[in-house]
Amino acid sequence: MSSDDPVVTDPGLYRVIFENDRVRVLEYRDKPGDRTHRHRHPDTVMYTLTAFRRRISAGAQSVDVELPAGAVRWVGAQEHSGENTGDTPSHGIFIELKDSAPAPVGGSLGPSPLSTDH
């Protein structure tokens, strides 16, 4: 892990709950007023388990974000710090993508394993 990994910068707020060669899944929990140190995320899918109100800062720019519980958002790779500006704790899941999957070799993949027409 690098020094700007959120699990390193803020181990009391982020924890790894699953990891393989394709993804890493982080659980995030904080309380009102908690702040993260500057850290980096790769391309990520974020799922809010509780309402989520915070200020995200990157360099000289800041943006206030408010999401309801159950929101799912794509978050492009970025470096930032954050602060819980709400009056309730935050709880969320971050699914960080690793390198892209290799392209299939040899053409067609055939029917989907989830398909019912085979």
C-alpha atoms as a PDB file:
ATOM      1  CA  MET A   1       0.000   0.000   0.000  1.00  0.00           C
ATOM      2  CA  SER A   2       1.213   3.471  -0.810  1.00  0.00           C
ATOM      3  CA  SER A   3       1.427   6.319   1.676  1.00  0.00           C
ATOM      4  CA  ASP A   4      -1.607   8.018   0.067  1.00  0.00           C
ATOM      5  CA  ASP A   5      -3.829   4.924   0.399  1.00  0.00           C
ATOM      6  CA  PRO A   6      -6.919   5.754   2.531  1.00  0.00           C
ATOM      7  CA  VAL A   7      -6.394   2.635   4.659  1.00  0.00           C
ATOM      8  CA  VAL A   8      -2.931   4.017   5.530  1.00  0.00           C
ATOM      9  CA  THR A   9      -3.887   7.705   5.910  1.00  0.00           C
ATOM     10  CA  ASP A  10      -7.068   7.039   7.917  1.00  0.00           C
ATOM     11  CA  PRO A  11      -7.076   3.496   9.332  1.00  0.00           C
ATOM     12  CA  GLY A  12      -9.713   4.440  11.906  1.00  0.00           C
ATOM     13  CA  LEU A  13     -12.179   5.348   9.121  1.00  0.00           C
ATOM     14  CA  TYR A  14     -11.420   2.947   6.232  1.00  0.00           C
ATOM     15  CA  ARG A  15     -10.964  -0.812   6.309  1.00  0.00           C
ATOM     16  CA  VAL A  16     -10.536  -3.416   3.582  1.00  0.00           C
ATOM     17  CA  ILE A  17     -13.414  -5.910   3.641  1.00  0.00           C
ATOM     18  CA  PHE A  18     -12.554  -7.765   0.398  1.00  0.00           C
ATOM     19  CA  GLU A  19      -9.726  -7.792  -2.112  1.00  0.00           C
ATOM     20  CA  ASN A  20      -8.654  -9.815  -5.121  1.00  0.00           C
ATOM     21  CA  ASP A  21      -6.649  -9.111  -8.288  1.00  0.00           C
ATOM     22  CA  ARG A  22      -9.544  -7.119  -9.859  1.00  0.00           C
ATOM     23  CA  VAL A  23     -11.140  -5.076  -7.043  1.00  0.00           C
ATOM     24  CA  ARG A  24     -10.658  -3.879  -3.518  1.00  0.00           C
ATOM     25  CA  VAL A  25     -13.719  -3.167  -1.363  1.00  0.00           C
ATOM     26  CA  LEU A  26     -13.434  -0.656   1.462  1.00  0.00           C
ATOM     27  CA  GLU A  27     -15.871   0.024   4.257  1.00  0.00           C
ATOM     28  CA  TYR A  28     -15.959   3.644   5.429  1.00  0.00           C
ATOM     29  CA  ARG A  29     -17.431   4.885   8.717  1.00  0.00           C
ATOM     30  CA  ASP A  30     -17.172   8.291  10.337  1.00  0.00           C
ATOM     31  CA  LYS A  31     -19.039  10.629  12.645  1.00  0.00           C
ATOM     32  CA  PRO A  32     -19.934  14.317  12.327  1.00  0.00           C
ATOM     33  CA  GLY A  33     -16.833  16.504  12.229  1.00  0.00           C
ATOM     34  CA  ASP A  34     -14.456  13.659  11.283  1.00  0.00           C
ATOM     35  CA  ARG A  35     -11.930  14.586   8.593  1.00  0.00           C
ATOM     36  CA  THR A  36      -9.805  12.422   6.359  1.00  0.00           C
ATOM     37  CA  HIS A  37      -6.232  13.170   5.426  1.00  0.00           C
ATOM     38  CA  ARG A  38      -5.363  13.695   1.775  1.00  0.00           C
ATOM     39  CA  HIS A  39      -5.558  10.316   0.024  1.00  0.00           C
ATOM     40  CA  ARG A  40      -6.079   8.772  -3.410  1.00  0.00           C
ATOM     41  CA  HIS A  41      -8.742   6.478  -4.870  1.00  0.00           C
ATOM     42  CA  PRO A  42      -8.605   4.730  -8.253  1.00  0.00           C
ATOM     43  CA  ASP A  43     -11.834   4.565 -10.310  1.00  0.00           C
ATOM     44  CA  THR A  44     -14.454   3.571  -7.747  1.00  0.00           C
ATOM     45  CA  VAL A  45     -18.124   2.719  -7.317  1.00  0.00           C
ATOM     46  CA  MET A  46     -19.483   4.213  -4.084  1.00  0.00           C
ATOM     47  CA  TYR A  47     -22.571   2.863  -2.289  1.00  0.00           C
ATOM     48  CA  THR A  48     -23.935   4.941   0.609  1.00  0.00           C
ATOM     49  CA  LEU A  49     -25.408   2.829   3.397  1.00  0.00           C
ATOM     50  CA  THR A  50     -26.491   5.941   5.325  1.00  0.00           C
ATOM     51  CA  ALA A  51     -27.132   9.536   4.289  1.00  0.00           C
ATOM     52  CA  PHE A  52     -23.860  11.117   3.278  1.00  0.00           C
ATOM     53  CA  ARG A  53     -23.119  14.827   3.710  1.00  0.00           C
ATOM     54  CA  ARG A  54     -19.545  16.009   3.390  1.00  0.00           C
ATOM     55  CA  ARG A  55     -17.128  18.527   1.991  1.00  0.00           C
ATOM     56  CA  ILE A  56     -14.600  17.107  -0.465  1.00  0.00           C
ATOM     57  CA  SER A  57     -11.435  19.151  -1.037  1.00  0.00           C
ATOM     58  CA  ALA A  58      -8.821  18.752  -3.759  1.00  0.00           C
ATOM     59  CA  GLY A  59      -6.128  21.391  -3.866  1.00  0.00           C
ATOM     60  CA  ALA A  60      -7.752  24.832  -3.647  1.00  0.00           C
ATOM     61  CA  GLN A  61     -11.199  23.524  -4.664  1.00  0.00           C
ATOM     62  CA  SER A  62     -13.942  22.260  -2.351  1.00  0.00           C
ATOM     63  CA  VAL A  63     -17.388  20.898  -3.099  1.00  0.00           C
ATOM     64  CA  ASP A  64     -20.231  20.021  -0.735  1.00  0.00           C
ATOM     65  CA  VAL A  65     -21.851  16.651  -1.443  1.00  0.00           C
ATOM     66  CA  GLU A  66     -25.127  15.338  -0.074  1.00  0.00           C
ATOM     67  CA  LEU A  67     -26.445  11.876  -0.950  1.00  0.00           C
ATOM     68  CA  PRO A  68     -29.280   9.807   0.508  1.00  0.00           C
ATOM     69  CA  ALA A  69     -28.830   6.320   1.913  1.00  0.00           C
ATOM     70  CA  GLY A  70     -28.783   3.749  -0.886  1.00  0.00           C
ATOM     71  CA  ALA A  71     -27.172   5.989  -3.520  1.00  0.00           C
ATOM     72  CA  VAL A  72     -24.754   4.380  -5.958  1.00  0.00           C
ATOM     73  CA  ARG A  73     -22.258   6.647  -7.730  1.00  0.00           C
ATOM     74  CA  TRP A  74     -19.322   6.310 -10.086  1.00  0.00           C
ATOM     75  CA  VAL A  75     -16.322   8.236  -8.726  1.00  0.00           C
ATOM     76  CA  GLY A  76     -13.445   8.748 -11.152  1.00  0.00           C
ATOM     77  CA  ALA A  77      -9.881   8.349  -9.898  1.00  0.00           C
ATOM     78  CA  GLN A  78      -8.918  11.269  -7.697  1.00  0.00           C
ATOM     79  CA  GLU A  79      -6.929  12.586  -4.766  1.00  0.00           C
ATOM     80  CA  HIS A  80      -8.820  14.482  -2.062  1.00  0.00           C
ATOM     81  CA  SER A  81      -9.564  14.948   1.619  1.00  0.00           C
ATOM     82  CA  GLY A  82     -13.021  15.002   3.152  1.00  0.00           C
ATOM     83  CA  GLU A  83     -15.006  16.137   6.160  1.00  0.00           C
ATOM     84  CA  ASN A  84     -18.341  14.890   7.502  1.00  0.00           C
ATOM     85  CA  THR A  85     -20.346  18.149   7.535  1.00  0.00           C
ATOM     86  CA  GLY A  86     -23.594  16.405   8.443  1.00  0.00           C
ATOM     87  CA  ASP A  87     -25.097  15.777  11.847  1.00  0.00           C
ATOM     88  CA  THR A  88     -25.177  11.984  11.558  1.00  0.00           C
ATOM     89  CA  PRO A  89     -22.490   9.311  11.091  1.00  0.00           C
ATOM     90  CA  SER A  90     -21.628   8.200   7.537  1.00  0.00           C
ATOM     91  CA  HIS A  91     -21.342   4.573   6.448  1.00  0.00           C
ATOM     92  CA  GLY A  92     -20.454   3.573   2.919  1.00  0.00           C
ATOM     93  CA  ILE A  93     -18.836   0.995   0.689  1.00  0.00           C
ATOM     94  CA  PHE A  94     -16.185   1.848  -1.921  1.00  0.00           C
ATOM     95  CA  ILE A  95     -15.494  -0.695  -4.668  1.00  0.00           C
ATOM     96  CA  GLU A  96     -12.117   0.294  -6.085  1.00  0.00           C
ATOM     97  CA  LEU A  97     -11.268  -1.026  -9.526  1.00  0.00           C
ATOM     98  CA  LYS A  98      -7.803  -2.337 -10.274  1.00  0.00           C
ATOM     99  CA  ASP A  99      -6.379  -2.833 -13.778  1.00  0.00           C
ATOM    100  CA  SER A 100      -8.896  -3.482 -16.526  1.00  0.00           C
ATOM    101  CA  ALA A 101      -9.815  -7.041 -17.302  1.00  0.00           C
ATOM    102  CA  PRO A 102      -7.814  -8.537 -20.160  1.00  0.00           C
ATOM    103  CA  ALA A 103      -9.576  -8.607 -23.519  1.00  0.00           C
ATOM    104  CA  PRO A 104     -10.964 -12.035 -24.467  1.00  0.00           C
ATOM    105  CA  VAL A 105      -8.820 -14.047 -26.864  1.00  0.00           C
ATOM    106  CA  GLY A 106     -10.255 -15.840 -29.877  1.00  0.00           C
ATOM    107  CA  GLY A 107     -13.448 -13.929 -30.615  1.00  0.00           C
ATOM    108  CA  SER A 108     -16.913 -14.689 -29.246  1.00  0.00           C
ATOM    109  CA  LEU A 109     -17.508 -15.305 -25.592  1.00  0.00           C
ATOM    110  CA  GLY A 110     -20.543 -17.429 -26.367  1.00  0.00           C
ATOM    111  CA  PRO A 111     -23.750 -17.193 -24.327  1.00  0.00           C
ATOM    112  CA  SER A 112     -23.690 -15.336 -21.047  1.00  0.00           C
ATOM    113  CA  PRO A 113     -23.469 -17.630 -18.010  1.00  0.00           C
ATOM    114  CA  LEU A 114     -26.442 -15.659 -16.672  1.00  0.00           C
ATOM    115  CA  SER A 115     -28.492 -16.152 -19.817  1.00  0.00           C
ATOM    116  CA  THR A 116     -31.561 -18.421 -19.709  1.00  0.00           C
ATOM    117  CA  ASP A 117     -31.492 -19.230 -23.436  1.00  0.00           C
ATOM    118  CA  HIS A 118     -28.981 -22.122 -23.478  1.00  0.00           C
END
